[in-house]
Amino acid sequence: MVTAEQPNDLEQIKETDQKKFERWRKSLMYITGIGLTEKEKNEYKLKSENNVEEYQCRKCEKWRDKLLKRSPIVIFMLKSLEEAGCKIEKKHFKCLPCDNTRSGGFSPAHGILLCQNRFFSKGHAEDTMVHEMMHLYDHCRFKVDWNNCYHHACSEVRAASLSGDCRWTREIRRGFFGFTKQHQACVKRRAILSLQNNALCSAPGLAEKVVSEVFESCFNDTRPFDEIY
């Protein structure tokens, strides 16, 4: 038996199918870029980049918060910083996008930078947090002059050595395979690379010279740890 409602039902089904087709068509256009105007392409690119950036920021902040509460080495550094007169909190760790030359940073004026788009794991985020906290510790405990290449080099040696940044598994990931004094070699290399990013210490050969001169004394200074972590 045909009812009066059937034509309307068919129209609704047809309309629903048409909407599904339009959504599929637009999705395909955005994926392939075919059929989009330059304005639409730019808008889609911006939207995609913003979504990725928001996701990276949320992930970075989630890892940061968990590490501040549960990581033994991060908690130890928080306590050591407080004892050194530089108590810090979650708000002092900023998750922001960076270029591909770094995974974190420290500034006496702005605190600790965590590069949200550079972390490949929570362990990487942990090492980065401790690395930058070591710089803050040196700044508070030893009154580092960051315009002095020797001061800066010493802090870079200590941060690379004590943060976990040069553990064997991290070196394997970077493509460095070695067994004899691998840790020391990594610390020197990482310290030189960081020092070269200081405009005052970027003259050819200067970073290598300075790191070499301060290496032994700074490498052997494991404060606030009893030994290399």
Protein backbone atom coordinates (compact mmCIF):
# COMPACT_ATOMS: atom_id res chain seq x y z
CA MET A 1 0.00 0.00 0.00
CA VAL A 2 1.40 3.39 -1.01
CA THR A 3 1.09 6.10 1.62
CA ALA A 4 1.20 9.86 1.27
CA GLU A 5 4.43 10.02 3.21
CA GLN A 6 6.52 7.93 0.80
CA PRO A 7 7.37 10.67 -1.74
CA ASN A 8 8.61 12.89 1.11
CA ASP A 9 10.66 10.02 2.52
CA LEU A 10 12.27 9.45 -0.87
CA GLU A 11 13.05 13.14 -1.19
CA GLN A 12 14.71 13.13 2.24
CA ILE A 13 16.80 10.09 1.33
CA LYS A 14 17.82 11.73 -1.93
CA GLU A 15 18.73 14.95 -0.13
CA THR A 16 20.78 13.06 2.47
CA ASP A 17 22.65 11.14 -0.22
CA GLN A 18 23.35 14.38 -2.06
CA LYS A 19 24.81 15.96 1.10
CA LYS A 20 27.02 12.90 1.67
CA PHE A 21 28.23 13.08 -1.91
CA GLU A 22 29.02 16.79 -1.57
CA ARG A 23 31.01 16.18 1.64
CA TRP A 24 32.94 13.38 -0.10
CA ARG A 25 33.55 15.56 -3.16
CA LYS A 26 34.85 18.46 -1.09
CA SER A 27 37.07 16.15 0.97
CA LEU A 28 38.55 14.74 -2.22
CA MET A 29 39.16 18.25 -3.55
CA TYR A 30 41.00 19.26 -0.38
CA ILE A 31 43.09 16.08 -0.41
CA THR A 32 44.10 16.36 -4.06
CA GLY A 33 43.95 20.13 -4.45
CA ILE A 34 42.12 19.66 -7.75
CA GLY A 35 39.31 22.14 -8.33
CA LEU A 36 40.33 24.52 -5.54
CA THR A 37 41.07 28.18 -6.07
CA GLU A 38 44.37 29.55 -4.76
CA LYS A 39 42.46 31.25 -1.94
CA GLU A 40 40.81 27.96 -0.94
CA LYS A 41 44.17 26.15 -1.08
CA ASN A 42 45.79 28.74 1.19
CA GLU A 43 42.85 28.65 3.63
CA TYR A 44 42.98 24.85 3.79
CA LYS A 45 46.76 24.85 4.28
CA LEU A 46 46.47 27.38 7.11
CA LYS A 47 43.67 25.40 8.76
CA SER A 48 45.66 22.16 8.52
CA GLU A 49 48.79 23.78 9.95
CA ASN A 50 46.79 25.28 12.82
CA ASN A 51 45.25 21.89 13.64
CA VAL A 52 48.66 20.21 13.67
CA GLU A 53 50.12 22.99 15.82
CA GLU A 54 47.25 22.73 18.31
CA TYR A 55 47.72 18.95 18.55
CA GLN A 56 51.48 19.29 19.08
CA CYS A 57 50.95 21.91 21.78
CA ARG A 58 48.42 19.74 23.64
CA LYS A 59 50.74 16.73 23.48
CA CYS A 60 53.73 18.77 24.68
CA GLU A 61 51.77 20.23 27.60
CA LYS A 62 50.42 16.79 28.54
CA TRP A 63 53.93 15.31 28.63
CA ARG A 64 55.27 18.33 30.53
CA ASP A 65 52.58 18.06 33.19
CA LYS A 66 53.09 14.32 33.66
CA LEU A 67 56.87 14.65 33.88
CA LEU A 68 56.65 17.44 36.45
CA LYS A 69 54.58 15.12 38.65
CA ARG A 70 56.08 11.68 37.97
CA SER A 71 59.60 11.86 36.55
CA PRO A 72 62.18 11.21 39.30
CA ILE A 73 64.92 13.20 37.56
CA VAL A 74 62.64 16.16 36.77
CA ILE A 75 61.36 16.18 40.36
CA PHE A 76 64.97 16.03 41.61
CA MET A 77 65.88 19.02 39.44
CA LEU A 78 62.86 20.96 40.70
CA LYS A 79 64.05 20.39 44.26
CA SER A 80 67.65 21.28 43.38
CA LEU A 81 66.55 24.49 41.70
CA GLU A 82 64.49 25.48 44.72
CA GLU A 83 67.50 24.87 46.97
CA ALA A 84 69.59 27.02 44.63
CA GLY A 85 67.10 29.87 45.01
CA CYS A 86 65.28 29.42 41.69
CA LYS A 87 61.97 27.75 42.35
CA ILE A 88 60.08 27.11 39.11
CA GLU A 89 56.59 25.91 38.26
CA LYS A 90 54.65 24.62 35.28
CA LYS A 91 54.10 28.15 33.96
CA HIS A 92 57.84 28.56 33.43
CA PHE A 93 57.85 25.78 30.79
CA LYS A 94 56.44 27.08 27.49
CA CYS A 95 55.44 24.75 24.65
CA LEU A 96 55.98 26.50 21.32
CA PRO A 97 56.95 25.54 17.73
CA CYS A 98 60.63 25.79 16.76
CA ASP A 99 62.85 25.36 13.73
CA ASN A 100 64.75 22.12 13.22
CA THR A 101 67.94 23.27 14.98
CA ARG A 102 66.74 22.67 18.52
CA SER A 103 64.34 20.82 20.80
CA GLY A 104 64.39 23.31 23.65
CA GLY A 105 65.91 26.48 25.00
CA PHE A 106 66.57 28.54 28.11
CA SER A 107 66.40 32.28 28.60
CA PRO A 108 66.92 34.00 31.98
CA ALA A 109 64.20 36.45 31.03
CA HIS A 110 61.61 34.04 29.60
CA GLY A 111 62.19 30.65 31.23
CA ILE A 112 62.34 27.27 29.51
CA LEU A 113 61.21 26.62 25.95
CA LEU A 114 59.93 23.17 24.96
CA CYS A 115 59.78 22.72 21.19
CA GLN A 116 56.40 21.07 20.72
CA ASN A 117 57.06 20.06 17.10
CA ARG A 118 60.45 18.45 17.77
CA PHE A 119 59.69 15.73 20.34
CA PHE A 120 59.52 12.13 19.12
CA SER A 121 58.68 10.67 22.55
CA LYS A 122 57.96 11.55 26.18
CA GLY A 123 61.51 10.41 26.99
CA HIS A 124 62.87 12.96 24.53
CA ALA A 125 60.75 15.64 26.21
CA GLU A 126 62.10 14.53 29.60
CA ASP A 127 65.74 14.78 28.47
CA THR A 128 65.06 18.22 27.01
CA MET A 129 63.41 19.46 30.18
CA VAL A 130 66.35 18.30 32.30
CA HIS A 131 68.86 19.76 29.82
CA GLU A 132 67.26 23.20 30.04
CA MET A 133 66.79 22.91 33.82
CA MET A 134 70.54 22.30 34.08
CA HIS A 135 71.13 25.62 32.33
CA LEU A 136 68.78 27.30 34.79
CA TYR A 137 70.57 25.60 37.69
CA ASP A 138 73.93 26.87 36.45
CA HIS A 139 72.46 30.34 35.96
CA CYS A 140 71.20 30.42 39.55
CA ARG A 141 73.97 28.52 41.31
CA PHE A 142 77.04 29.78 39.46
CA LYS A 143 75.85 33.13 38.06
CA VAL A 144 76.65 32.22 34.47
CA ASP A 145 77.42 35.08 32.09
CA TRP A 146 75.82 33.87 28.85
CA ASN A 147 77.84 36.42 26.86
CA ASN A 148 81.02 34.72 28.03
CA CYS A 149 81.84 31.83 25.68
CA TYR A 150 83.67 29.90 28.42
CA HIS A 151 80.74 30.18 30.83
CA HIS A 152 78.29 29.15 28.14
CA ALA A 153 80.47 26.24 27.00
CA CYS A 154 80.77 24.88 30.53
CA SER A 155 77.01 24.88 31.01
CA GLU A 156 76.50 23.18 27.64
CA VAL A 157 78.97 20.44 28.57
CA ARG A 158 77.23 19.83 31.89
CA ALA A 159 73.74 19.90 30.38
CA ALA A 160 74.62 17.49 27.58
CA SER A 161 76.35 15.11 29.98
CA LEU A 162 73.85 15.09 32.86
CA SER A 163 70.47 15.32 31.12
CA GLY A 164 70.42 11.98 29.33
CA ASP A 165 70.89 13.76 26.02
CA CYS A 166 73.98 11.63 25.29
CA ARG A 167 72.80 8.23 26.42
CA TRP A 168 73.68 5.44 24.00
CA THR A 169 70.13 4.93 22.68
CA ARG A 170 69.86 8.61 21.75
CA GLU A 171 73.17 8.44 19.91
CA ILE A 172 72.06 5.36 17.97
CA ARG A 173 68.98 7.29 16.84
CA ARG A 174 71.23 10.10 15.60
CA GLY A 175 73.31 7.63 13.63
CA PHE A 176 76.43 7.65 15.84
CA PHE A 177 77.78 4.18 16.62
CA GLY A 178 80.71 3.94 18.99
CA PHE A 179 81.78 2.33 22.21
CA THR A 180 85.07 3.91 23.30
CA LYS A 181 84.28 7.10 25.22
CA GLN A 182 81.07 7.51 23.23
CA HIS A 183 79.50 9.59 25.98
CA GLN A 184 82.38 12.07 26.08
CA ALA A 185 82.42 12.35 22.29
CA CYS A 186 78.70 13.08 22.24
CA VAL A 187 78.97 15.69 24.99
CA LYS A 188 81.73 17.53 23.13
CA ARG A 189 79.86 17.45 19.83
CA ARG A 190 76.56 18.60 21.33
CA ALA A 191 78.24 21.37 23.35
CA ILE A 192 80.06 22.68 20.26
CA LEU A 193 76.86 22.72 18.20
CA SER A 194 75.02 24.65 20.92
CA LEU A 195 77.85 27.11 21.43
CA GLN A 196 78.01 27.82 17.70
CA ASN A 197 74.43 29.11 17.92
CA ASN A 198 75.66 31.87 20.24
CA ALA A 199 76.47 34.76 17.90
CA LEU A 200 79.31 35.84 20.21
CA CYS A 201 80.94 32.41 19.96
CA SER A 202 80.31 31.58 16.31
CA ALA A 203 83.68 32.59 14.83
CA PRO A 204 85.29 29.70 12.91
CA GLY A 205 87.00 27.28 15.28
CA LEU A 206 86.14 29.25 18.43
CA ALA A 207 83.46 26.90 19.77
CA GLU A 208 85.75 23.86 19.33
CA LYS A 209 88.62 25.66 21.10
CA VAL A 210 86.54 26.85 24.05
CA VAL A 211 84.78 23.51 24.62
CA SER A 212 88.13 21.72 24.51
CA GLU A 213 89.59 24.05 27.13
CA VAL A 214 86.73 23.77 29.62
CA PHE A 215 85.76 20.16 28.95
CA GLU A 216 87.65 18.25 31.64
CA SER A 217 86.69 20.43 34.60
CA CYS A 218 83.08 20.95 33.51
CA PHE A 219 82.52 17.31 32.54
CA ASN A 220 83.71 16.18 35.97
CA ASP A 221 81.42 18.64 37.77
CA THR A 222 78.20 16.65 38.17
CA ARG A 223 76.36 18.97 40.59
CA PRO A 224 73.55 18.68 41.65
CA PHE A 225 73.95 14.93 40.92
CA ASP A 226 76.39 12.63 42.68
CA GLU A 227 77.35 11.11 39.33
CA ILE A 228 76.36 11.17 35.65
CA TYR A 229 72.71 10.18 35.28
